[in-house]
PDB file of N, CA and C in Angstrom:
ATOM      1  N   MET A   1       6.456 -18.225 -22.299  1.00  0.00           N
ATOM      2  CA  MET A   1       6.267 -19.326 -23.202  1.00  0.00           C
ATOM      3  C   MET A   1       5.421 -20.366 -22.477  1.00  0.00           C
ATOM      4  N   GLY A   2       4.436 -20.872 -23.113  1.00  0.00           N
ATOM      5  CA  GLY A   2       3.596 -21.906 -22.547  1.00  0.00           C
ATOM      6  C   GLY A   2       2.797 -22.571 -23.638  1.00  0.00           C
ATOM      7  N   ASP A   3       2.036 -23.573 -23.260  1.00  0.00           N
ATOM      8  CA  ASP A   3       1.221 -24.241 -24.269  1.00  0.00           C
ATOM      9  C   ASP A   3      -0.078 -23.461 -24.460  1.00  0.00           C
ATOM     10  N   ARG A   4      -0.991 -24.001 -25.240  1.00  0.00           N
ATOM     11  CA  ARG A   4      -2.215 -23.260 -25.550  1.00  0.00           C
ATOM     12  C   ARG A   4      -3.139 -23.104 -24.350  1.00  0.00           C
ATOM     13  N   TYR A   5      -2.857 -23.825 -23.251  1.00  0.00           N
ATOM     14  CA  TYR A   5      -3.668 -23.702 -22.058  1.00  0.00           C
ATOM     15  C   TYR A   5      -3.042 -22.746 -21.037  1.00  0.00           C
ATOM     16  N   GLY A   6      -1.901 -22.117 -21.412  1.00  0.00           N
ATOM     17  CA  GLY A   6      -1.258 -21.169 -20.521  1.00  0.00           C
ATOM     18  C   GLY A   6      -0.330 -21.797 -19.501  1.00  0.00           C
ATOM     19  N   ARG A   7      -0.096 -23.106 -19.595  1.00  0.00           N
ATOM     20  CA  ARG A   7       0.792 -23.776 -18.641  1.00  0.00           C
ATOM     21  C   ARG A   7       2.236 -23.626 -19.101  1.00  0.00           C
ATOM     22  N   LYS A   8       3.136 -23.470 -18.144  1.00  0.00           N
ATOM     23  CA  LYS A   8       4.557 -23.401 -18.454  1.00  0.00           C
ATOM     24  C   LYS A   8       5.200 -24.747 -18.126  1.00  0.00           C
ATOM     25  N   PRO A   9       6.197 -25.166 -18.926  1.00  0.00           N
ATOM     26  CA  PRO A   9       6.896 -26.404 -18.591  1.00  0.00           C
ATOM     27  C   PRO A   9       7.743 -26.197 -17.341  1.00  0.00           C
ATOM     28  N   PRO A  10       7.953 -27.234 -16.547  1.00  0.00           N
ATOM     29  CA  PRO A  10       8.797 -27.068 -15.363  1.00  0.00           C
ATOM     30  C   PRO A  10      10.231 -26.735 -15.774  1.00  0.00           C
ATOM     31  N   HIS A  11      10.854 -25.812 -15.045  1.00  0.00           N
ATOM     32  CA  HIS A  11      12.203 -25.381 -15.389  1.00  0.00           C
ATOM     33  C   HIS A  11      13.206 -26.505 -15.152  1.00  0.00           C
ATOM     34  N   SER A  12      12.899 -27.396 -14.204  1.00  0.00           N
ATOM     35  CA  SER A  12      13.825 -28.503 -13.966  1.00  0.00           C
ATOM     36  C   SER A  12      13.902 -29.404 -15.194  1.00  0.00           C
ATOM     37  N   SER A  13      12.814 -29.534 -15.950  1.00  0.00           N
ATOM     38  CA  SER A  13      12.849 -30.335 -17.172  1.00  0.00           C
ATOM     39  C   SER A  13      13.781 -29.721 -18.202  1.00  0.00           C
ATOM     40  N   ALA A  14      13.730 -28.400 -18.341  1.00  0.00           N
ATOM     41  CA  ALA A  14      14.611 -27.723 -19.290  1.00  0.00           C
ATOM     42  C   ALA A  14      16.070 -27.905 -18.884  1.00  0.00           C
ATOM     43  N   LEU A  15      16.352 -27.824 -17.588  1.00  0.00           N
ATOM     44  CA  LEU A  15      17.726 -28.027 -17.127  1.00  0.00           C
ATOM     45  C   LEU A  15      18.171 -29.467 -17.340  1.00  0.00           C
ATOM     46  N   ASP A  16      17.279 -30.420 -17.109  1.00  0.00           N
ATOM     47  CA  ASP A  16      17.621 -31.828 -17.355  1.00  0.00           C
ATOM     48  C   ASP A  16      17.973 -32.048 -18.819  1.00  0.00           C
ATOM     49  N   TRP A  17      17.184 -31.472 -19.728  1.00  0.00           N
ATOM     50  CA  TRP A  17      17.468 -31.606 -21.163  1.00  0.00           C
ATOM     51  C   TRP A  17      18.788 -30.938 -21.519  1.00  0.00           C
ATOM     52  N   ALA A  18      19.042 -29.760 -20.952  1.00  0.00           N
ATOM     53  CA  ALA A  18      20.290 -29.045 -21.247  1.00  0.00           C
ATOM     54  C   ALA A  18      21.493 -29.854 -20.772  1.00  0.00           C
ATOM     55  N   ARG A  19      21.395 -30.454 -19.584  1.00  0.00           N
ATOM     56  CA  ARG A  19      22.501 -31.285 -19.087  1.00  0.00           C
ATOM     57  C   ARG A  19      22.693 -32.521 -19.949  1.00  0.00           C
ATOM     58  N   ALA A  20      21.598 -33.145 -20.348  1.00  0.00           N
ATOM     59  CA  ALA A  20      21.695 -34.359 -21.160  1.00  0.00           C
ATOM     60  C   ALA A  20      22.297 -34.059 -22.524  1.00  0.00           C
ATOM     61  N   LEU A  21      21.882 -32.959 -23.134  1.00  0.00           N
ATOM     62  CA  LEU A  21      22.389 -32.614 -24.464  1.00  0.00           C
ATOM     63  C   LEU A  21      23.774 -31.979 -24.416  1.00  0.00           C
ATOM     64  N   GLY A  22      24.190 -31.505 -23.234  1.00  0.00           N
ATOM     65  CA  GLY A  22      25.503 -30.889 -23.108  1.00  0.00           C
ATOM     66  C   GLY A  22      26.639 -31.860 -23.322  1.00  0.00           C
ATOM     67  N   SER A  23      26.406 -33.148 -23.053  1.00  0.00           N
ATOM     68  CA  SER A  23      27.466 -34.141 -23.217  1.00  0.00           C
ATOM     69  C   SER A  23      27.539 -34.689 -24.638  1.00  0.00           C
ATOM     70  N   VAL A  24      26.569 -34.386 -25.478  1.00  0.00           N
ATOM     71  CA  VAL A  24      26.557 -34.871 -26.860  1.00  0.00           C
ATOM     72  C   VAL A  24      27.403 -33.946 -27.720  1.00  0.00           C
ATOM     73  N   ARG A  25      28.299 -34.522 -28.510  1.00  0.00           N
ATOM     74  CA  ARG A  25      29.149 -33.723 -29.397  1.00  0.00           C
ATOM     75  C   ARG A  25      28.762 -34.012 -30.838  1.00  0.00           C
ATOM     76  N   TRP A  26      28.215 -33.005 -31.514  1.00  0.00           N
ATOM     77  CA  TRP A  26      27.840 -33.143 -32.905  1.00  0.00           C
ATOM     78  C   TRP A  26      28.871 -32.468 -33.774  1.00  0.00           C
ATOM     79  N   THR A  27      29.073 -33.003 -34.950  1.00  0.00           N
ATOM     80  CA  THR A  27      29.905 -32.345 -35.936  1.00  0.00           C
ATOM     81  C   THR A  27      28.975 -31.760 -36.989  1.00  0.00           C
ATOM     82  N   ILE A  28      28.844 -30.455 -36.963  1.00  0.00           N
ATOM     83  CA  ILE A  28      27.934 -29.770 -37.873  1.00  0.00           C
ATOM     84  C   ILE A  28      28.779 -28.915 -38.811  1.00  0.00           C
ATOM     85  N   PRO A  29      28.663 -29.144 -40.110  1.00  0.00           N
ATOM     86  CA  PRO A  29      29.461 -28.325 -41.027  1.00  0.00           C
ATOM     87  C   PRO A  29      28.980 -26.871 -41.007  1.00  0.00           C
ATOM     88  N   PRO A  30      29.924 -25.918 -41.008  1.00  0.00           N
ATOM     89  CA  PRO A  30      29.517 -24.510 -41.015  1.00  0.00           C
ATOM     90  C   PRO A  30      28.858 -24.135 -42.339  1.00  0.00           C
ATOM     91  N   ARG A  31      27.921 -23.217 -42.280  1.00  0.00           N
ATOM     92  CA  ARG A  31      27.274 -22.731 -43.497  1.00  0.00           C
ATOM     93  C   ARG A  31      26.899 -21.271 -43.296  1.00  0.00           C
ATOM     94  N   GLY A  32      26.751 -20.601 -44.407  1.00  0.00           N
ATOM     95  CA  GLY A  32      26.359 -19.199 -44.343  1.00  0.00           C
ATOM     96  C   GLY A  32      24.923 -19.066 -43.872  1.00  0.00           C
ATOM     97  N   ARG A  33      24.667 -18.062 -43.068  1.00  0.00           N
ATOM     98  CA  ARG A  33      23.311 -17.837 -42.561  1.00  0.00           C
ATOM     99  C   ARG A  33      22.912 -16.390 -42.781  1.00  0.00           C
ATOM    100  N   ARG A  34      21.618 -16.214 -42.834  1.00  0.00           N
ATOM    101  CA  ARG A  34      21.079 -14.859 -42.849  1.00  0.00           C
ATOM    102  C   ARG A  34      20.933 -14.414 -41.398  1.00  0.00           C
ATOM    103  N   PRO A  35      20.084 -13.468 -41.081  1.00  0.00           N
ATOM    104  CA  PRO A  35      20.032 -12.932 -39.718  1.00  0.00           C
ATOM    105  C   PRO A  35      19.744 -13.980 -38.641  1.00  0.00           C
ATOM    106  N   ILE A  36      20.342 -13.753 -37.488  1.00  0.00           N
ATOM    107  CA  ILE A  36      20.150 -14.590 -36.307  1.00  0.00           C
ATOM    108  C   ILE A  36      19.528 -13.710 -35.220  1.00  0.00           C
ATOM    109  N   ALA A  37      18.480 -14.208 -34.588  1.00  0.00           N
ATOM    110  CA  ALA A  37      17.857 -13.504 -33.463  1.00  0.00           C
ATOM    111  C   ALA A  37      18.367 -14.132 -32.167  1.00  0.00           C
ATOM    112  N   VAL A  38      18.711 -13.301 -31.186  1.00  0.00           N
ATOM    113  CA  VAL A  38      19.213 -13.776 -29.899  1.00  0.00           C
ATOM    114  C   VAL A  38      18.246 -13.330 -28.819  1.00  0.00           C
ATOM    115  N   ASP A  39      17.928 -14.259 -27.916  1.00  0.00           N
ATOM    116  CA  ASP A  39      17.019 -13.956 -26.822  1.00  0.00           C
ATOM    117  C   ASP A  39      17.605 -14.526 -25.539  1.00  0.00           C
ATOM    118  N   GLU A  40      17.239 -13.942 -24.409  1.00  0.00           N
ATOM    119  CA  GLU A  40      17.669 -14.477 -23.125  1.00  0.00           C
ATOM    120  C   GLU A  40      16.516 -14.409 -22.139  1.00  0.00           C
ATOM    121  N   ALA A  41      16.546 -15.342 -21.217  1.00  0.00           N
ATOM    122  CA  ALA A  41      15.527 -15.386 -20.173  1.00  0.00           C
ATOM    123  C   ALA A  41      16.219 -15.697 -18.860  1.00  0.00           C
ATOM    124  N   ALA A  42      15.780 -15.084 -17.788  1.00  0.00           N
ATOM    125  CA  ALA A  42      16.360 -15.307 -16.468  1.00  0.00           C
ATOM    126  C   ALA A  42      15.342 -16.020 -15.593  1.00  0.00           C
ATOM    127  N   GLU A  43      15.795 -17.071 -14.940  1.00  0.00           N
ATOM    128  CA  GLU A  43      14.954 -17.839 -14.029  1.00  0.00           C
ATOM    129  C   GLU A  43      15.750 -18.163 -12.773  1.00  0.00           C
ATOM    130  N   LYS A  44      15.054 -18.419 -11.687  1.00  0.00           N
ATOM    131  CA  LYS A  44      15.719 -18.799 -10.449  1.00  0.00           C
ATOM    132  C   LYS A  44      15.770 -20.321 -10.343  1.00  0.00           C
ATOM    133  N   VAL A  45      16.954 -20.836 -10.020  1.00  0.00           N
ATOM    134  CA  VAL A  45      17.161 -22.270  -9.815  1.00  0.00           C
ATOM    135  C   VAL A  45      17.850 -22.425  -8.467  1.00  0.00           C
ATOM    136  N   ASN A  46      17.189 -23.082  -7.536  1.00  0.00           N
ATOM    137  CA  ASN A  46      17.726 -23.262  -6.181  1.00  0.00           C
ATOM    138  C   ASN A  46      18.150 -21.930  -5.559  1.00  0.00           C
ATOM    139  N   GLY A  47      17.388 -20.888  -5.794  1.00  0.00           N
ATOM    140  CA  GLY A  47      17.652 -19.584  -5.210  1.00  0.00           C
ATOM    141  C   GLY A  47      18.657 -18.735  -5.977  1.00  0.00           C
ATOM    142  N   ARG A  48      19.275 -19.268  -7.021  1.00  0.00           N
ATOM    143  CA  ARG A  48      20.234 -18.510  -7.836  1.00  0.00           C
ATOM    144  C   ARG A  48      19.633 -18.214  -9.193  1.00  0.00           C
ATOM    145  N   GLU A  49      19.971 -17.048  -9.727  1.00  0.00           N
ATOM    146  CA  GLU A  49      19.466 -16.674 -11.047  1.00  0.00           C
ATOM    147  C   GLU A  49      20.317 -17.324 -12.135  1.00  0.00           C
ATOM    148  N   VAL A  50      19.653 -17.983 -13.077  1.00  0.00           N
ATOM    149  CA  VAL A  50      20.315 -18.588 -14.224  1.00  0.00           C
ATOM    150  C   VAL A  50      19.760 -17.927 -15.478  1.00  0.00           C
ATOM    151  N   CYS A  51      20.650 -17.530 -16.371  1.00  0.00           N
ATOM    152  CA  CYS A  51      20.232 -16.908 -17.628  1.00  0.00           C
ATOM    153  C   CYS A  51      20.391 -17.907 -18.759  1.00  0.00           C
ATOM    154  N   ALA A  52      19.339 -18.127 -19.492  1.00  0.00           N
ATOM    155  CA  ALA A  52      19.373 -19.019 -20.650  1.00  0.00           C
ATOM    156  C   ALA A  52      19.411 -18.158 -21.904  1.00  0.00           C
ATOM    157  N   TRP A  53      20.406 -18.399 -22.756  1.00  0.00           N
ATOM    158  CA  TRP A  53      20.589 -17.655 -23.995  1.00  0.00           C
ATOM    159  C   TRP A  53      20.280 -18.577 -25.156  1.00  0.00           C
ATOM    160  N   ALA A  54      19.556 -18.087 -26.143  1.00  0.00           N
ATOM    161  CA  ALA A  54      19.224 -18.888 -27.318  1.00  0.00           C
ATOM    162  C   ALA A  54      19.365 -18.028 -28.570  1.00  0.00           C
ATOM    163  N   ALA A  55      19.933 -18.636 -29.603  1.00  0.00           N
ATOM    164  CA  ALA A  55      20.042 -17.983 -30.908  1.00  0.00           C
ATOM    165  C   ALA A  55      19.149 -18.747 -31.876  1.00  0.00           C
ATOM    166  N   MET A  56      18.411 -18.023 -32.730  1.00  0.00           N
ATOM    167  CA  MET A  56      17.504 -18.666 -33.664  1.00  0.00           C
ATOM    168  C   MET A  56      17.715 -18.101 -35.058  1.00  0.00           C
ATOM    169  N   ASP A  57      17.801 -18.999 -36.040  1.00  0.00           N
ATOM    170  CA  ASP A  57      17.881 -18.590 -37.443  1.00  0.00           C
ATOM    171  C   ASP A  57      16.504 -18.057 -37.839  1.00  0.00           C
ATOM    172  N   VAL A  58      16.461 -16.827 -38.322  1.00  0.00           N
ATOM    173  CA  VAL A  58      15.202 -16.163 -38.623  1.00  0.00           C
ATOM    174  C   VAL A  58      14.447 -16.869 -39.759  1.00  0.00           C
ATOM    175  N   ASP A  59      15.177 -17.390 -40.750  1.00  0.00           N
ATOM    176  CA  ASP A  59      14.525 -18.015 -41.903  1.00  0.00           C
ATOM    177  C   ASP A  59      14.004 -19.416 -41.607  1.00  0.00           C
ATOM    178  N   THR A  60      14.846 -20.256 -41.007  1.00  0.00           N
ATOM    179  CA  THR A  60      14.487 -21.669 -40.826  1.00  0.00           C
ATOM    180  C   THR A  60      13.987 -22.003 -39.428  1.00  0.00           C
ATOM    181  N   ARG A  61      14.116 -21.061 -38.502  1.00  0.00           N
ATOM    182  CA  ARG A  61      13.731 -21.250 -37.095  1.00  0.00           C
ATOM    183  C   ARG A  61      14.543 -22.348 -36.405  1.00  0.00           C
ATOM    184  N   GLU A  62      15.748 -22.612 -36.905  1.00  0.00           N
ATOM    185  CA  GLU A  62      16.653 -23.545 -36.245  1.00  0.00           C
ATOM    186  C   GLU A  62      17.298 -22.852 -35.050  1.00  0.00           C
ATOM    187  N   LEU A  63      17.716 -23.644 -34.066  1.00  0.00           N
ATOM    188  CA  LEU A  63      18.433 -23.123 -32.908  1.00  0.00           C
ATOM    189  C   LEU A  63      19.901 -23.539 -33.019  1.00  0.00           C
ATOM    190  N   PRO A  64      20.748 -22.675 -33.592  1.00  0.00           N
ATOM    191  CA  PRO A  64      22.153 -23.051 -33.738  1.00  0.00           C
ATOM    192  C   PRO A  64      22.937 -23.015 -32.432  1.00  0.00           C
ATOM    193  N   ALA A  65      22.437 -22.317 -31.407  1.00  0.00           N
ATOM    194  CA  ALA A  65      23.181 -22.223 -30.150  1.00  0.00           C
ATOM    195  C   ALA A  65      22.240 -21.990 -28.977  1.00  0.00           C
ATOM    196  N   ILE A  66      22.539 -22.682 -27.868  1.00  0.00           N
ATOM    197  CA  ILE A  66      21.832 -22.496 -26.600  1.00  0.00           C
ATOM    198  C   ILE A  66      22.894 -22.532 -25.512  1.00  0.00           C
ATOM    199  N   GLU A  67      22.782 -21.642 -24.543  1.00  0.00           N
ATOM    200  CA  GLU A  67      23.767 -21.602 -23.461  1.00  0.00           C
ATOM    201  C   GLU A  67      23.087 -21.115 -22.189  1.00  0.00           C
ATOM    202  N   ALA A  68      23.589 -21.543 -21.043  1.00  0.00           N
ATOM    203  CA  ALA A  68      23.104 -21.069 -19.749  1.00  0.00           C
ATOM    204  C   ALA A  68      24.287 -20.495 -18.976  1.00  0.00           C
ATOM    205  N   THR A  69      24.086 -19.331 -18.358  1.00  0.00           N
ATOM    206  CA  THR A  69      25.144 -18.693 -17.572  1.00  0.00           C
ATOM    207  C   THR A  69      24.585 -18.293 -16.213  1.00  0.00           C
ATOM    208  N   TRP A  70      25.497 -18.150 -15.241  1.00  0.00           N
ATOM    209  CA  TRP A  70      25.084 -17.729 -13.910  1.00  0.00           C
ATOM    210  C   TRP A  70      24.951 -16.216 -13.821  1.00  0.00           C
ATOM    211  N   SER A  71      25.558 -15.506 -14.764  1.00  0.00           N
ATOM    212  CA  SER A  71      25.483 -14.040 -14.718  1.00  0.00           C
ATOM    213  C   SER A  71      24.738 -13.517 -15.933  1.00  0.00           C
ATOM    214  N   ARG A  72      24.348 -12.256 -15.855  1.00  0.00           N
ATOM    215  CA  ARG A  72      23.564 -11.626 -16.925  1.00  0.00           C
ATOM    216  C   ARG A  72      24.210 -10.281 -17.239  1.00  0.00           C
ATOM    217  N   SER A  73      25.318 -10.341 -17.954  1.00  0.00           N
ATOM    218  CA  SER A  73      26.058  -9.116 -18.233  1.00  0.00           C
ATOM    219  C   SER A  73      26.223  -8.936 -19.739  1.00  0.00           C
ATOM    220  N   SER A  74      26.691  -7.752 -20.110  1.00  0.00           N
ATOM    221  CA  SER A  74      26.931  -7.498 -21.529  1.00  0.00           C
ATOM    222  C   SER A  74      28.063  -8.374 -22.053  1.00  0.00           C
ATOM    223  N   MET A  75      29.021  -8.756 -21.183  1.00  0.00           N
ATOM    224  CA  MET A  75      30.097  -9.630 -21.611  1.00  0.00           C
ATOM    225  C   MET A  75      29.558 -11.031 -21.943  1.00  0.00           C
ATOM    226  N   ASP A  76      28.606 -11.515 -21.162  1.00  0.00           N
ATOM    227  CA  ASP A  76      27.978 -12.806 -21.463  1.00  0.00           C
ATOM    228  C   ASP A  76      27.268 -12.739 -22.813  1.00  0.00           C
ATOM    229  N   ALA A  77      26.584 -11.634 -23.065  1.00  0.00           N
ATOM    230  CA  ALA A  77      25.882 -11.473 -24.350  1.00  0.00           C
ATOM    231  C   ALA A  77      26.863 -11.444 -25.507  1.00  0.00           C
ATOM    232  N   LEU A  78      27.980 -10.727 -25.357  1.00  0.00           N
ATOM    233  CA  LEU A  78      28.979 -10.666 -26.427  1.00  0.00           C
ATOM    234  C   LEU A  78      29.633 -12.019 -26.663  1.00  0.00           C
ATOM    235  N   LEU A  79      29.951 -12.734 -25.595  1.00  0.00           N
ATOM    236  CA  LEU A  79      30.595 -14.042 -25.744  1.00  0.00           C
ATOM    237  C   LEU A  79      29.651 -15.063 -26.354  1.00  0.00           C
ATOM    238  N   PHE A  80      28.360 -14.919 -26.068  1.00  0.00           N
ATOM    239  CA  PHE A  80      27.402 -15.840 -26.668  1.00  0.00           C
ATOM    240  C   PHE A  80      27.285 -15.564 -28.152  1.00  0.00           C
TER     241      PHE A  80
END
């Protein structure tokens, strides 16, 4: 993922945003959805691998869930 010039955003910025948004508690009413696409990416942070998981609504392109884990296993995928 990058902008139109091929540059990637710094990973520390993504982690800063994830930490900042992690403390915010929203009350979102549940609603029925059509298909959800799930993707994961692994990056190194301070020498450790961190896996970022994201779910996207196929119709509206909303991100209903984002999570980061230290491991990359099938159990992490199922729990996400």
